[in-house]
Amino acid sequence: MKLFASSVKPRMKHLFDFVSSLLGLAFFSLPILLISLLIKSEDGGPIFYRGVRVGRHGKQFRIFKFRTMVVDAEKMGASSTPEDDPRITKIGKFLRRYKLDEIPQLINVLKGEMSFVGPRPQVPWAVQLYNEEEKKLLSVRPGITDYASIKFRNEGEILKNSKDPDRDYLEKIAPEKLNLGLEYVKNNNVWVDIKIIISTIRTIF
């Protein structure tokens, strides 16, 4: 009975993610088109940011996000982004403020690389620092939102004026994020996911 229940839960979550991502892409189709035009008109660069992230079981994938920084920003500075980072574009500031840059991740959810709810996917260098306990985060699909996304919704503000954003991220934010991620891994179900989604929407608005 326990084996059956353990196999049904991930199937329900995957079905929820698949259906919800389809509905989400349909619902946001007009905003996606409008935001794409605004990004393109500002500097003519790519619409999407496709950075490498580490997913379930350590498999790497390219995340979909609206580009909020100048072209080739990853070559000009840290992976972590302070609120006052000069690489952020004008439209990028608005998108980041209301988390609109995250909308394209619905594509990753549809592809099965991500889930609506789960520990945020990390860049490879950050995952390489995981200890054995923290590697349990890779047992579930990373998500668009989770407990940490809600608590650290002002991450850019925390890193503001930082001379070394990556170091400050590791010292001031990462430990608590990892703990919250592990809490989700140990205790998650569809109702927890719905609760986190509702809390995320409330936090944004």
Protein backbone atom coordinates (compact mmCIF):
# COMPACT_ATOMS: atom_id res chain seq x y z
CA MET A 1 0.00 0.00 0.00
CA LYS A 2 2.84 2.39 0.89
CA LEU A 3 4.58 1.58 -2.40
CA PHE A 4 1.40 2.38 -4.31
CA ALA A 5 0.96 5.68 -2.46
CA SER A 6 4.60 6.67 -3.04
CA SER A 7 4.21 6.09 -6.79
CA VAL A 8 0.86 7.89 -7.06
CA LYS A 9 2.08 11.13 -5.40
CA PRO A 10 4.74 12.02 -8.02
CA ARG A 11 2.32 11.07 -10.81
CA MET A 12 -0.34 13.40 -9.41
CA LYS A 13 2.21 16.18 -9.06
CA HIS A 14 3.45 15.67 -12.63
CA LEU A 15 -0.13 15.68 -13.97
CA PHE A 16 -0.88 18.84 -11.98
CA ASP A 17 2.25 20.50 -13.35
CA PHE A 18 1.55 19.47 -16.95
CA VAL A 19 -2.06 20.66 -17.00
CA SER A 20 -1.33 23.84 -15.03
CA SER A 21 1.62 24.81 -17.26
CA LEU A 22 -0.54 24.41 -20.38
CA LEU A 23 -3.26 26.58 -18.85
CA GLY A 24 -0.68 29.06 -17.61
CA LEU A 25 0.95 29.47 -21.03
CA ALA A 26 -2.47 30.01 -22.59
CA PHE A 27 -3.47 32.53 -19.92
CA PHE A 28 -0.20 34.48 -20.16
CA SER A 29 0.08 34.32 -23.96
CA LEU A 30 -0.73 38.02 -24.43
CA PRO A 31 1.56 39.28 -21.62
CA ILE A 32 4.34 37.02 -22.97
CA LEU A 33 3.98 38.60 -26.41
CA LEU A 34 3.93 42.14 -24.97
CA ILE A 35 6.95 41.58 -22.71
CA SER A 36 8.85 39.97 -25.59
CA LEU A 37 8.26 43.05 -27.74
CA LEU A 38 9.40 45.39 -24.93
CA ILE A 39 12.61 43.44 -24.33
CA LYS A 40 13.40 43.30 -28.03
CA SER A 41 12.71 46.99 -28.55
CA GLU A 42 14.97 48.09 -25.68
CA ASP A 43 18.29 46.77 -27.00
CA GLY A 44 17.55 44.29 -29.79
CA GLY A 45 19.02 41.40 -27.81
CA PRO A 46 17.58 37.93 -27.11
CA ILE A 47 14.18 37.75 -25.43
CA PHE A 48 15.04 34.84 -23.19
CA TYR A 49 17.85 34.10 -20.77
CA ARG A 50 18.86 30.41 -21.07
CA GLY A 51 21.27 29.81 -18.22
CA VAL A 52 22.38 26.30 -17.22
CA ARG A 53 20.76 24.91 -14.07
CA VAL A 54 20.95 21.58 -12.25
CA GLY A 55 17.73 19.59 -12.05
CA ARG A 56 16.49 16.32 -10.62
CA HIS A 57 19.17 13.64 -10.15
CA GLY A 58 21.82 16.21 -11.10
CA LYS A 59 20.72 16.45 -14.75
CA GLN A 60 21.54 19.83 -16.24
CA PHE A 61 19.05 21.82 -18.32
CA ARG A 62 18.64 25.33 -19.68
CA ILE A 63 16.14 27.48 -17.84
CA PHE A 64 13.71 29.81 -19.62
CA LYS A 65 13.50 33.32 -18.17
CA PHE A 66 12.77 36.67 -19.71
CA ARG A 67 16.13 38.42 -20.12
CA THR A 68 16.35 41.20 -17.54
CA MET A 69 20.03 42.05 -17.97
CA VAL A 70 22.26 43.30 -20.74
CA VAL A 71 23.48 40.86 -23.39
CA ASP A 72 26.30 38.58 -22.12
CA ALA A 73 25.76 39.79 -18.54
CA GLU A 74 27.08 36.48 -17.16
CA LYS A 75 30.49 37.37 -18.59
CA MET A 76 30.52 40.73 -16.82
CA GLY A 77 29.88 39.82 -13.21
CA ALA A 78 28.59 37.45 -10.55
CA SER A 79 25.82 34.85 -10.82
CA SER A 80 23.97 36.51 -7.94
CA THR A 81 22.23 39.76 -8.76
CA PRO A 82 21.92 42.72 -6.35
CA GLU A 83 19.00 45.11 -6.74
CA ASP A 84 21.40 47.86 -7.84
CA ASP A 85 23.29 45.70 -10.37
CA PRO A 86 24.14 47.98 -13.35
CA ARG A 87 23.64 45.04 -15.73
CA ILE A 88 19.86 45.10 -15.15
CA THR A 89 17.94 46.74 -18.01
CA LYS A 90 15.09 49.24 -17.57
CA ILE A 91 12.39 46.73 -18.45
CA GLY A 92 14.33 44.17 -16.42
CA LYS A 93 13.84 46.14 -13.20
CA PHE A 94 10.08 46.06 -13.68
CA LEU A 95 10.01 42.37 -14.58
CA ARG A 96 12.11 41.43 -11.55
CA ARG A 97 10.02 43.52 -9.17
CA TYR A 98 6.85 41.59 -10.01
CA LYS A 99 8.57 38.26 -10.79
CA LEU A 100 7.31 38.43 -14.37
CA ASP A 101 10.68 37.24 -15.63
CA GLU A 102 9.80 33.81 -14.19
CA ILE A 103 6.75 33.26 -16.45
CA PRO A 104 8.68 31.46 -19.27
CA GLN A 105 9.67 28.76 -16.78
CA LEU A 106 6.22 27.35 -17.51
CA ILE A 107 7.96 25.92 -20.59
CA ASN A 108 10.43 24.08 -18.34
CA VAL A 109 7.49 22.77 -16.30
CA LEU A 110 5.73 21.59 -19.46
CA LYS A 111 8.92 19.80 -20.56
CA GLY A 112 9.16 18.03 -17.21
CA GLU A 113 12.45 19.72 -16.25
CA MET A 114 10.84 21.74 -13.46
CA SER A 115 7.75 21.75 -11.28
CA PHE A 116 5.51 24.60 -10.19
CA VAL A 117 6.73 24.11 -6.63
CA GLY A 118 10.12 22.82 -5.55
CA PRO A 119 13.58 24.01 -4.46
CA ARG A 120 14.85 26.68 -6.85
CA PRO A 121 17.28 25.26 -9.45
CA GLN A 122 20.88 26.24 -8.82
CA VAL A 123 23.85 26.93 -11.08
CA PRO A 124 26.38 24.05 -11.32
CA TRP A 125 29.07 25.71 -9.18
CA ALA A 126 26.63 26.13 -6.28
CA VAL A 127 25.49 22.49 -6.48
CA GLN A 128 29.12 21.34 -6.34
CA LEU A 129 29.28 22.85 -2.84
CA TYR A 130 26.41 20.69 -1.53
CA ASN A 131 27.14 18.30 1.33
CA GLU A 132 25.54 14.83 1.45
CA GLU A 133 22.42 16.10 3.19
CA GLU A 134 21.95 18.98 0.76
CA LYS A 135 22.22 16.62 -2.22
CA LYS A 136 18.75 15.36 -1.23
CA LEU A 137 17.48 18.54 -2.90
CA LEU A 138 18.26 16.86 -6.22
CA SER A 139 15.78 14.05 -5.49
CA VAL A 140 12.86 16.25 -6.60
CA ARG A 141 12.25 18.48 -9.59
CA PRO A 142 13.29 22.09 -8.98
CA GLY A 143 10.43 24.57 -8.93
CA ILE A 144 9.36 28.05 -9.97
CA THR A 145 8.58 28.85 -6.34
CA ASP A 146 9.02 27.40 -2.86
CA TYR A 147 9.28 28.45 0.79
CA ALA A 148 12.61 30.17 0.11
CA SER A 149 11.24 32.15 -2.84
CA ILE A 150 8.62 33.62 -0.51
CA LYS A 151 10.97 34.34 2.40
CA PHE A 152 13.73 35.78 0.20
CA ARG A 153 11.46 37.64 -2.24
CA ASN A 154 13.72 40.69 -1.60
CA GLU A 155 16.96 38.83 -2.35
CA GLY A 156 18.18 41.62 -4.62
CA GLU A 157 17.66 44.14 -1.84
CA ILE A 158 19.61 41.98 0.63
CA LEU A 159 22.55 41.92 -1.80
CA LYS A 160 22.36 45.64 -2.57
CA ASN A 161 25.74 47.45 -2.38
CA SER A 162 27.56 44.12 -2.21
CA LYS A 163 31.14 44.09 -3.48
CA ASP A 164 31.03 40.28 -3.86
CA PRO A 165 27.41 39.19 -4.48
CA ASP A 166 28.21 35.48 -4.87
CA ARG A 167 30.06 35.34 -1.54
CA ASP A 168 27.35 37.33 0.25
CA TYR A 169 24.70 35.07 -1.27
CA LEU A 170 26.49 31.99 0.08
CA GLU A 171 26.87 33.53 3.53
CA LYS A 172 23.60 35.44 4.02
CA ILE A 173 21.01 33.61 1.93
CA ALA A 174 22.07 30.12 0.80
CA PRO A 175 22.10 28.38 4.25
CA GLU A 176 18.47 29.25 5.03
CA LYS A 177 17.39 28.56 1.45
CA LEU A 178 18.93 25.10 1.62
CA ASN A 179 17.20 24.36 4.94
CA LEU A 180 13.83 25.45 3.58
CA GLY A 181 14.40 23.35 0.46
CA LEU A 182 15.17 20.28 2.55
CA GLU A 183 12.02 20.90 4.60
CA TYR A 184 10.00 20.80 1.39
CA VAL A 185 11.73 17.61 0.21
CA LYS A 186 10.81 15.87 3.49
CA ASN A 187 7.22 17.11 3.67
CA ASN A 188 5.49 17.82 0.37
CA ASN A 189 2.20 16.98 -1.28
CA VAL A 190 -0.31 18.60 -3.65
CA TRP A 191 -1.94 20.59 -0.83
CA VAL A 192 1.41 21.96 0.31
CA ASP A 193 2.11 22.96 -3.31
CA ILE A 194 -1.23 24.79 -3.59
CA LYS A 195 -0.57 26.58 -0.29
CA ILE A 196 2.87 27.73 -1.50
CA ILE A 197 1.46 28.90 -4.85
CA ILE A 198 -1.24 30.97 -3.09
CA SER A 199 1.34 32.43 -0.68
CA THR A 200 3.58 33.33 -3.63
CA ILE A 201 0.77 35.19 -5.39
CA ARG A 202 -0.05 37.09 -2.19
CA THR A 203 3.63 37.98 -1.71
CA ILE A 204 3.96 39.38 -5.23
CA PHE A 205 0.88 41.59 -5.01
